[in-house]
């Protein structure tokens, strides 16, 4: 029988276990770190090759990936069915199951997004600014790839394809940690992507998964400073905050979407109904879905909007003033602070009545996550003030919040929607996966 080893950890508490167990744990940790670091080193080598690839070469890779995903649709759907069934058995919420699920139409959309990316200009080498100084030095600030990009995300197999495509076009290698919920689907997709890259002569190691290392692999990614240039978490609040709090590598924070729509007193009823139904019911499980509706006390459209939402199956969580004016046959639960700050990601909507635009702005400032806010109005002055005073990544006037999306805004796809202010904000496409460097050319000038 092995002797028991007792020690004191850095927090001063006793820990115990057999010497054999502790040795096995240390060996396992070393193995994960070695494996992830080796993948990062391969990605670095691949990124150097990608940095020299022409646009035509990268576009061939994108089109090859899209073609092969469609050609192997049945293989992808079979793997996805296993993940969805496992998620359902584990009691995964309907919202997360929807995010997890791929359909023939969603696979076609992934291929279409890759084709759109191929049609976009290559950001690498584009000039941000330039000038010739009085001393004759010629300056250019040009866009260049980040290098090695890591992504940690949950139950979203479409993200595997989106990030791989964006990384390829922007000249980056990518390390993916897609989570156990989609492990079968992601494994098939990564294999297809790597085979496609190899088929056109691009480095397969430009796209790698570390899913086989589980959560331990994600932890190593977060600490891999010097091997990973930037880390992008995409998922729920818990995942994002865990990465932000624990990462030693630079992080671009993508945020949860507590999205607001303000129904102004002048809002046309027909427009308001169409926008709210689209913003809440088209796909309630995603981050650009509206979660809170603020209605002006004199908004004539309020009754029509609430009736239409209820008829569409939306469960209303309303304050006392809204409950007092509910249309006949429409019911609502009482709303509290837990509703104003919540991202439902389901057919639920918080509704509050406000006296004026000032009150709407104050409510949004208190509860926003900085993702997307919208106003429905026929008052130009109110629209302009809303645009000026709302400090979120996207501000929308008289349109659905569902347009806060890389594909919808012409970016081809998105890595995520950044709610921070450094480097990138809003939907992150090709340009947001580049940094810049200065190129200085002279004819023998020296500084005096």
Protein backbone atom coordinates (compact mmCIF):
# COMPACT_ATOMS: atom_id res chain seq x y z
CA UNK A 1 0.00 0.00 0.00
CA UNK A 2 1.37 3.42 -0.93
CA UNK A 3 2.25 5.86 1.78
CA UNK A 4 0.00 8.88 2.18
CA UNK A 5 1.62 12.19 1.35
CA UNK A 6 0.34 15.25 3.21
CA UNK A 7 1.41 18.77 2.28
CA UNK A 8 0.34 22.35 2.67
CA UNK A 9 -0.69 24.27 -0.43
CA UNK A 10 -0.11 27.98 -1.09
CA UNK A 11 -3.34 28.91 0.65
CA UNK A 12 -2.22 27.20 3.84
CA UNK A 13 -4.73 24.32 3.75
CA UNK A 14 -3.79 20.67 4.05
CA UNK A 15 -4.00 18.47 0.96
CA UNK A 16 -3.48 14.73 0.94
CA UNK A 17 -3.26 11.86 -1.47
CA UNK A 18 -1.04 8.92 -2.22
CA UNK A 19 2.33 9.65 -3.75
CA UNK A 20 1.27 7.58 -6.75
CA UNK A 21 -1.91 9.64 -7.25
CA UNK A 22 -0.07 12.94 -6.95
CA UNK A 23 2.60 11.77 -9.35
CA UNK A 24 -0.06 10.67 -11.86
CA UNK A 25 -1.82 14.03 -11.62
CA UNK A 26 1.43 15.91 -12.19
CA UNK A 27 2.26 13.68 -15.15
CA UNK A 28 -1.18 14.27 -16.66
CA UNK A 29 -0.80 18.04 -16.28
CA UNK A 30 2.62 17.93 -17.89
CA UNK A 31 1.23 15.87 -20.76
CA UNK A 32 -1.57 18.36 -21.43
CA UNK A 33 0.78 21.33 -21.30
CA UNK A 34 3.27 19.61 -23.57
CA UNK A 35 0.55 18.69 -26.05
CA UNK A 36 -1.09 22.11 -26.17
CA UNK A 37 2.25 23.91 -26.41
CA UNK A 38 3.31 21.60 -29.24
CA UNK A 39 0.07 22.43 -31.07
CA UNK A 40 0.74 26.13 -30.53
CA UNK A 41 4.25 25.74 -31.93
CA UNK A 42 2.87 24.02 -35.02
CA UNK A 43 0.33 26.80 -35.35
CA UNK A 44 3.13 29.39 -35.17
CA UNK A 45 4.95 27.66 -38.02
CA UNK A 46 1.72 27.50 -40.03
CA UNK A 47 0.99 31.18 -39.37
CA UNK A 48 4.31 32.17 -40.93
CA UNK A 49 3.36 30.33 -44.11
CA UNK A 50 -0.12 31.86 -44.12
CA UNK A 51 1.34 35.34 -43.72
CA UNK A 52 2.99 34.87 -47.13
CA UNK A 53 -0.05 33.32 -48.84
CA UNK A 54 -1.71 35.33 -51.58
CA UNK A 55 -5.37 36.24 -51.48
CA UNK A 56 -6.12 33.85 -54.36
CA UNK A 57 -4.50 30.99 -52.49
CA UNK A 58 -6.41 31.65 -49.27
CA UNK A 59 -9.67 32.05 -51.19
CA UNK A 60 -9.16 28.66 -52.83
CA UNK A 61 -8.85 27.23 -49.35
CA UNK A 62 -12.09 28.86 -48.22
CA UNK A 63 -14.03 27.58 -51.21
CA UNK A 64 -12.56 24.09 -50.78
CA UNK A 65 -13.67 24.00 -47.13
CA UNK A 66 -17.19 25.11 -48.05
CA UNK A 67 -17.46 22.59 -50.86
CA UNK A 68 -16.28 19.72 -48.69
CA UNK A 69 -18.58 20.59 -45.78
CA UNK A 70 -21.55 20.42 -48.14
CA UNK A 71 -20.26 17.25 -49.81
CA UNK A 72 -19.86 15.58 -46.40
CA UNK A 73 -23.11 16.97 -45.03
CA UNK A 74 -24.40 13.54 -43.98
CA UNK A 75 -21.24 12.85 -41.98
CA UNK A 76 -21.53 16.21 -40.23
CA UNK A 77 -25.23 15.76 -39.49
CA UNK A 78 -24.70 12.25 -38.11
CA UNK A 79 -22.02 13.51 -35.71
CA UNK A 80 -24.20 16.44 -34.74
CA UNK A 81 -27.16 14.15 -34.03
CA UNK A 82 -25.00 12.31 -31.46
CA UNK A 83 -24.13 15.60 -29.74
CA UNK A 84 -27.74 16.81 -29.72
CA UNK A 85 -29.00 13.49 -28.34
CA UNK A 86 -26.36 13.54 -25.61
CA UNK A 87 -27.26 17.12 -24.76
CA UNK A 88 -30.95 16.30 -24.57
CA UNK A 89 -30.22 13.34 -22.26
CA UNK A 90 -28.24 15.66 -19.99
CA UNK A 91 -31.13 18.11 -19.76
CA UNK A 92 -29.50 20.85 -21.84
CA UNK A 93 -31.77 23.87 -22.19
CA UNK A 94 -33.73 24.37 -25.43
CA UNK A 95 -31.73 27.52 -26.13
CA UNK A 96 -28.39 25.70 -25.96
CA UNK A 97 -29.76 22.78 -27.95
CA UNK A 98 -30.77 25.20 -30.68
CA UNK A 99 -27.24 26.63 -30.77
CA UNK A 100 -25.81 23.13 -30.87
CA UNK A 101 -28.02 21.87 -33.69
CA UNK A 102 -26.93 21.87 -37.32
CA UNK A 103 -29.45 21.38 -40.13
CA UNK A 104 -28.95 21.05 -43.89
CA UNK A 105 -29.93 24.71 -44.18
CA UNK A 106 -27.41 25.79 -41.54
CA UNK A 107 -24.67 23.81 -43.26
CA UNK A 108 -25.52 25.53 -46.54
CA UNK A 109 -25.33 28.85 -44.70
CA UNK A 110 -21.84 27.99 -43.42
CA UNK A 111 -20.68 27.25 -46.96
CA UNK A 112 -22.29 30.47 -48.21
CA UNK A 113 -20.48 32.45 -45.50
CA UNK A 114 -17.15 30.96 -46.59
CA UNK A 115 -17.92 31.89 -50.18
CA UNK A 116 -18.74 35.42 -49.06
CA UNK A 117 -15.43 35.60 -47.18
CA UNK A 118 -13.62 34.57 -50.34
CA UNK A 119 -15.24 37.50 -52.12
CA UNK A 120 -14.12 40.07 -49.57
CA UNK A 121 -10.87 42.08 -49.87
CA UNK A 122 -7.84 40.66 -48.09
CA UNK A 123 -7.08 42.87 -45.08
CA UNK A 124 -3.44 41.74 -44.93
CA UNK A 125 -1.15 44.37 -46.40
CA UNK A 126 -3.80 47.07 -46.65
CA UNK A 127 -2.50 50.50 -45.66
CA UNK A 128 -4.10 52.13 -42.63
CA UNK A 129 -2.21 55.38 -43.19
CA UNK A 130 1.00 56.63 -44.70
CA UNK A 131 3.03 59.74 -45.44
CA UNK A 132 6.42 61.04 -46.46
CA UNK A 133 8.15 63.06 -43.75
CA UNK A 134 10.05 66.32 -44.47
CA UNK A 135 13.33 64.37 -44.07
CA UNK A 136 12.28 62.01 -46.88
CA UNK A 137 11.38 58.98 -44.78
CA UNK A 138 8.45 57.09 -46.30
CA UNK A 139 6.02 55.70 -43.70
CA UNK A 140 3.26 53.12 -43.98
CA UNK A 141 1.14 51.57 -41.26
CA UNK A 142 -0.12 48.28 -42.69
CA UNK A 143 -2.45 45.55 -41.49
CA UNK A 144 -0.79 42.24 -40.63
CA UNK A 145 -2.08 38.97 -39.09
CA UNK A 146 -2.20 38.54 -35.32
CA UNK A 147 -0.33 35.23 -35.66
CA UNK A 148 -1.79 32.50 -33.43
CA UNK A 149 -5.39 33.05 -32.36
CA UNK A 150 -7.07 30.80 -29.78
CA UNK A 151 -10.83 30.51 -29.31
CA UNK A 152 -12.74 28.93 -26.44
CA UNK A 153 -16.46 28.53 -27.07
CA UNK A 154 -19.50 26.50 -26.09
CA UNK A 155 -21.91 24.27 -27.99
CA UNK A 156 -21.63 26.21 -31.24
CA UNK A 157 -20.26 24.04 -34.07
CA UNK A 158 -20.93 26.82 -36.58
CA UNK A 159 -18.31 28.86 -34.72
CA UNK A 160 -15.72 26.22 -35.63
CA UNK A 161 -16.22 26.99 -39.32
CA UNK A 162 -16.65 30.75 -38.90
CA UNK A 163 -13.46 31.21 -36.90
CA UNK A 164 -11.43 28.88 -39.12
CA UNK A 165 -12.56 30.79 -42.22
CA UNK A 166 -11.90 34.21 -40.76
CA UNK A 167 -8.51 33.13 -39.44
CA UNK A 168 -7.49 31.70 -42.81
CA UNK A 169 -8.49 34.79 -44.77
CA UNK A 170 -6.75 37.11 -42.31
CA UNK A 171 -3.56 35.01 -42.35
CA UNK A 172 -3.81 33.62 -38.82
CA UNK A 173 -3.47 30.11 -37.45
CA UNK A 174 -6.13 29.14 -34.94
CA UNK A 175 -6.35 26.82 -31.91
CA UNK A 176 -9.91 25.75 -31.12
CA UNK A 177 -11.46 24.58 -27.86
CA UNK A 178 -15.09 23.93 -28.74
CA UNK A 179 -16.30 22.19 -25.60
CA UNK A 180 -17.58 18.70 -24.88
CA UNK A 181 -21.17 19.43 -25.90
CA UNK A 182 -20.21 19.58 -29.58
CA UNK A 183 -17.17 17.31 -29.53
CA UNK A 184 -18.38 14.88 -32.21
CA UNK A 185 -19.48 17.62 -34.61
CA UNK A 186 -16.36 19.69 -34.08
CA UNK A 187 -14.08 16.70 -34.62
CA UNK A 188 -15.65 16.01 -38.02
CA UNK A 189 -15.60 19.68 -39.02
CA UNK A 190 -11.95 20.15 -38.03
CA UNK A 191 -10.97 17.05 -40.00
CA UNK A 192 -12.79 18.40 -43.07
CA UNK A 193 -11.15 21.80 -42.71
CA UNK A 194 -7.66 20.38 -42.29
CA UNK A 195 -8.07 18.02 -45.26
CA UNK A 196 -9.32 20.92 -47.36
CA UNK A 197 -6.33 23.08 -46.48
CA UNK A 198 -3.95 20.27 -47.30
CA UNK A 199 -5.70 19.69 -50.64
CA UNK A 200 -4.90 23.24 -51.82
CA UNK A 201 -1.36 23.27 -50.44
CA UNK A 202 -2.03 25.34 -47.33
CA UNK A 203 -0.76 24.15 -43.93
CA UNK A 204 -3.28 21.90 -42.22
CA UNK A 205 -1.86 22.99 -38.85
CA UNK A 206 -3.36 26.42 -39.45
CA UNK A 207 -6.49 24.92 -37.85
CA UNK A 208 -6.14 22.66 -34.81
CA UNK A 209 -8.40 21.53 -32.02
CA UNK A 210 -7.33 20.99 -28.42
CA UNK A 211 -10.67 19.42 -27.46
CA UNK A 212 -8.97 16.11 -26.71
CA UNK A 213 -7.29 17.76 -23.70
CA UNK A 214 -10.62 18.82 -22.18
CA UNK A 215 -10.85 21.65 -19.67
CA UNK A 216 -7.22 21.19 -18.76
CA UNK A 217 -6.35 22.10 -22.34
CA UNK A 218 -8.43 25.26 -22.11
CA UNK A 219 -6.57 26.22 -18.94
CA UNK A 220 -3.24 25.76 -20.68
CA UNK A 221 -4.41 27.91 -23.60
CA UNK A 222 -5.30 30.68 -21.17
CA UNK A 223 -1.79 30.61 -19.71
CA UNK A 224 0.16 30.13 -22.95
CA UNK A 225 1.68 33.61 -23.04
CA UNK A 226 4.21 33.91 -25.83
CA UNK A 227 2.69 30.98 -27.71
CA UNK A 228 -0.84 32.37 -28.19
CA UNK A 229 -1.12 35.97 -29.42
CA UNK A 230 -4.77 36.56 -28.58
CA UNK A 231 -7.58 34.53 -27.00
CA UNK A 232 -11.26 35.02 -27.82
CA UNK A 233 -13.89 33.46 -25.55
CA UNK A 234 -17.38 33.06 -26.97
CA UNK A 235 -20.26 31.78 -24.92
CA UNK A 236 -22.20 32.47 -21.75
CA UNK A 237 -21.30 34.88 -19.00
CA UNK A 238 -19.65 32.23 -16.81
CA UNK A 239 -17.31 31.10 -19.59
CA UNK A 240 -16.34 34.61 -20.61
CA UNK A 241 -15.70 35.83 -17.07
CA UNK A 242 -13.66 32.71 -16.27
CA UNK A 243 -11.41 33.38 -19.25
CA UNK A 244 -11.10 37.10 -18.53
CA UNK A 245 -10.26 36.46 -14.86
CA UNK A 246 -7.73 33.66 -15.44
CA UNK A 247 -6.04 34.29 -18.77
CA UNK A 248 -2.40 35.34 -18.93
CA UNK A 249 -2.62 35.94 -22.69
CA UNK A 250 -4.34 38.98 -24.24
CA UNK A 251 -8.12 38.49 -24.39
CA UNK A 252 -10.75 40.09 -26.59
CA UNK A 253 -13.89 39.92 -24.50
CA UNK A 254 -17.11 39.02 -26.25
CA UNK A 255 -20.06 39.80 -24.06
CA UNK A 256 -23.49 38.55 -23.22
CA UNK A 257 -26.37 40.31 -24.88
CA UNK A 258 -28.84 41.96 -22.53
CA UNK A 259 -30.29 43.78 -25.54
CA UNK A 260 -32.84 46.62 -25.22
CA UNK A 261 -35.42 48.12 -27.56
CA UNK A 262 -37.02 51.44 -26.65
CA UNK A 263 -40.51 52.04 -28.06
CA UNK A 264 -40.80 55.82 -28.38
CA UNK A 265 -44.12 57.64 -28.16
CA UNK A 266 -44.03 58.28 -31.92
CA UNK A 267 -43.28 54.67 -32.91
CA UNK A 268 -45.53 53.43 -35.76
CA UNK A 269 -47.49 50.37 -34.60
CA UNK A 270 -46.98 48.22 -37.71
CA UNK A 271 -43.22 48.84 -37.77
CA UNK A 272 -42.94 48.23 -34.04
CA UNK A 273 -44.78 44.90 -34.23
CA UNK A 274 -42.65 43.67 -37.13
CA UNK A 275 -39.38 44.66 -35.46
CA UNK A 276 -40.22 43.23 -32.03
CA UNK A 277 -41.45 39.92 -33.42
CA UNK A 278 -38.28 39.54 -35.47
CA UNK A 279 -35.97 40.66 -32.66
CA UNK A 280 -37.52 38.27 -30.11
CA UNK A 281 -38.87 35.26 -31.97
CA UNK A 282 -36.75 34.67 -35.09
CA UNK A 283 -34.03 32.92 -33.08
CA UNK A 284 -34.37 33.60 -29.36
CA UNK A 285 -31.26 31.63 -28.31
CA UNK A 286 -28.68 34.04 -29.75
CA UNK A 287 -27.00 37.09 -28.23
CA UNK A 288 -28.58 39.74 -30.51
CA UNK A 289 -32.11 38.80 -29.50
CA UNK A 290 -33.96 41.53 -27.61
CA UNK A 291 -34.30 40.78 -23.90
CA UNK A 292 -35.87 43.99 -22.54
CA UNK A 293 -38.55 46.21 -24.09
CA UNK A 294 -38.97 49.75 -22.74
CA UNK A 295 -42.24 51.43 -23.72
CA UNK A 296 -42.98 55.14 -23.48
CA UNK A 297 -46.06 55.81 -21.35
CA UNK A 298 -47.78 57.47 -24.35
CA UNK A 299 -46.70 54.98 -27.02
CA UNK A 300 -49.81 54.09 -28.99
CA UNK A 301 -48.10 50.97 -30.34
CA UNK A 302 -47.71 49.32 -26.92
CA UNK A 303 -50.95 47.32 -26.97
CA UNK A 304 -50.42 46.01 -30.49
CA UNK A 305 -46.83 45.02 -29.72
CA UNK A 306 -47.66 43.18 -26.50
CA UNK A 307 -50.60 41.37 -28.08
CA UNK A 308 -48.49 40.26 -31.05
CA UNK A 309 -45.66 39.04 -28.82
CA UNK A 310 -48.04 37.08 -26.59
CA UNK A 311 -49.73 35.54 -29.62
CA UNK A 312 -46.29 34.42 -30.84
CA UNK A 313 -45.69 32.55 -27.58
CA UNK A 314 -43.50 35.12 -25.83
CA UNK A 315 -43.71 35.02 -22.05
CA UNK A 316 -43.87 38.59 -20.76
CA UNK A 317 -42.23 39.71 -17.50
CA UNK A 318 -43.65 43.17 -16.91
CA UNK A 319 -43.55 45.92 -14.31
CA UNK A 320 -46.69 47.13 -12.57
CA UNK A 321 -47.39 49.97 -15.01
CA UNK A 322 -47.23 47.67 -18.02
CA UNK A 323 -49.41 45.04 -16.34
CA UNK A 324 -52.05 47.73 -15.78
CA UNK A 325 -52.40 48.35 -19.55
CA UNK A 326 -52.13 44.81 -20.90
CA UNK A 327 -54.53 44.12 -23.79
CA UNK A 328 -57.44 41.79 -23.11
CA UNK A 329 -56.35 38.18 -22.95
CA UNK A 330 -52.63 38.99 -22.53
CA UNK A 331 -50.94 37.86 -19.33
CA UNK A 332 -47.60 38.79 -17.78
CA UNK A 333 -45.54 37.79 -14.78
CA UNK A 334 -44.38 40.46 -12.37
CA UNK A 335 -40.86 41.61 -13.26
CA UNK A 336 -38.05 42.54 -10.86
CA UNK A 337 -34.34 43.27 -10.88
CA UNK A 338 -33.57 39.69 -11.80
CA UNK A 339 -35.43 40.28 -15.08
CA UNK A 340 -33.85 43.61 -16.04
CA UNK A 341 -30.37 42.14 -15.81
CA UNK A 342 -31.09 38.77 -17.39
CA UNK A 343 -30.18 37.34 -20.78
CA UNK A 344 -33.09 34.92 -21.21
CA UNK A 345 -32.00 33.41 -24.54
CA UNK A 346 -35.52 32.03 -24.80
CA UNK A 347 -39.07 33.18 -25.56
CA UNK A 348 -39.15 35.47 -22.51
CA UNK A 349 -39.11 39.26 -22.55
CA UNK A 350 -38.85 41.84 -19.77
CA UNK A 351 -41.09 44.89 -20.32
CA UNK A 352 -41.00 48.21 -18.44
CA UNK A 353 -42.84 51.49 -18.92
CA UNK A 354 -40.87 54.75 -18.83
CA UNK A 355 -41.99 58.36 -18.75
CA UNK A 356 -39.61 59.68 -21.39
CA UNK A 357 -36.37 59.18 -23.29
CA UNK A 358 -34.36 60.25 -20.23
CA UNK A 359 -35.84 57.41 -18.21
CA UNK A 360 -35.21 54.92 -21.03
CA UNK A 361 -31.58 55.98 -21.29
CA UNK A 362 -31.15 55.71 -17.51
CA UNK A 363 -32.60 52.19 -17.46
CA UNK A 364 -30.33 51.06 -20.30
CA UNK A 365 -27.23 52.57 -18.68
CA UNK A 366 -27.98 50.68 -15.47
CA UNK A 367 -28.62 47.27 -16.99
CA UNK A 368 -26.85 47.14 -20.35
CA UNK A 369 -24.09 44.67 -21.16
CA UNK A 370 -22.91 46.99 -23.93
CA UNK A 371 -23.99 44.74 -26.80
CA UNK A 372 -26.87 46.26 -28.81
CA UNK A 373 -29.62 48.77 -28.12
CA UNK A 374 -32.36 49.96 -30.50
CA UNK A 375 -34.98 52.69 -30.71
CA UNK A 376 -38.21 52.64 -32.69
CA UNK A 377 -39.31 56.21 -33.38
CA UNK A 378 -40.50 58.76 -35.91
CA UNK A 379 -38.83 61.57 -33.96
CA UNK A 380 -35.50 62.47 -35.58
CA UNK A 381 -34.28 64.41 -32.55
CA UNK A 382 -34.91 61.44 -30.25
CA UNK A 383 -33.18 59.09 -32.68
CA UNK A 384 -30.10 61.32 -32.86
CA UNK A 385 -29.96 61.70 -29.09
CA UNK A 386 -30.30 57.93 -28.62
CA UNK A 387 -27.40 57.37 -31.03
CA UNK A 388 -25.25 59.96 -29.28
CA UNK A 389 -25.87 58.86 -25.70
CA UNK A 390 -26.05 55.07 -25.92
CA UNK A 391 -22.59 53.60 -25.29
CA UNK A 392 -22.94 50.09 -26.70
CA UNK A 393 -21.15 48.23 -29.46
CA UNK A 394 -24.15 48.62 -31.79
CA UNK A 395 -26.93 51.21 -31.82
CA UNK A 396 -29.89 50.62 -34.14
CA UNK A 397 -32.69 52.92 -35.27
CA UNK A 398 -35.94 51.47 -36.64
CA UNK A 399 -34.61 47.99 -37.38
CA UNK A 400 -34.29 44.62 -35.66
CA UNK A 401 -31.46 43.97 -33.23
CA UNK A 402 -30.86 40.71 -35.11
CA UNK A 403 -28.75 42.72 -37.57
CA UNK A 404 -25.87 42.89 -35.08
CA UNK A 405 -24.15 40.02 -36.82
CA UNK A 406 -21.02 39.77 -38.91
CA UNK A 407 -22.74 38.12 -41.83
CA UNK A 408 -25.64 40.57 -41.86
CA UNK A 409 -23.29 43.56 -41.72
CA UNK A 410 -21.26 42.35 -44.70
CA UNK A 411 -18.29 40.93 -42.78
CA UNK A 412 -18.82 37.42 -44.12
CA UNK A 413 -18.84 35.91 -40.63
CA UNK A 414 -17.73 36.85 -37.14
CA UNK A 415 -15.44 35.52 -34.46
CA UNK A 416 -17.74 37.06 -31.88
CA UNK A 417 -19.25 40.38 -30.86
CA UNK A 418 -16.83 42.35 -28.76
CA UNK A 419 -18.33 44.50 -26.00
CA UNK A 420 -15.00 45.97 -24.92
CA UNK A 421 -13.42 49.12 -26.31
CA UNK A 422 -9.79 48.18 -26.86
CA UNK A 423 -8.76 46.98 -30.33
CA UNK A 424 -12.15 45.70 -31.49
CA UNK A 425 -15.79 46.49 -30.75
CA UNK A 426 -18.94 44.94 -32.15
CA UNK A 427 -18.98 42.09 -34.68
CA UNK A 428 -15.40 40.97 -35.29
CA UNK A 429 -14.60 40.14 -38.88
CA UNK A 430 -11.42 40.02 -40.95
CA UNK A 431 -10.04 43.45 -40.09
CA UNK A 432 -10.48 42.81 -36.38
CA UNK A 433 -8.25 39.74 -36.62
CA UNK A 434 -5.34 41.85 -37.78
CA UNK A 435 -2.99 44.20 -36.03
CA UNK A 436 -0.68 46.75 -37.64
CA UNK A 437 3.01 47.37 -38.05
CA UNK A 438 4.94 50.41 -39.20
CA UNK A 439 7.13 50.18 -42.28
CA UNK A 440 9.74 52.92 -42.51
CA UNK A 441 11.81 53.27 -45.71
CA UNK A 442 14.63 55.70 -46.14
CA UNK A 443 17.72 56.60 -48.15
CA UNK A 444 20.33 56.74 -45.42
CA UNK A 445 18.63 59.23 -43.05
CA UNK A 446 19.92 59.45 -39.47
CA UNK A 447 18.30 61.11 -36.48
CA UNK A 448 19.84 64.35 -35.26
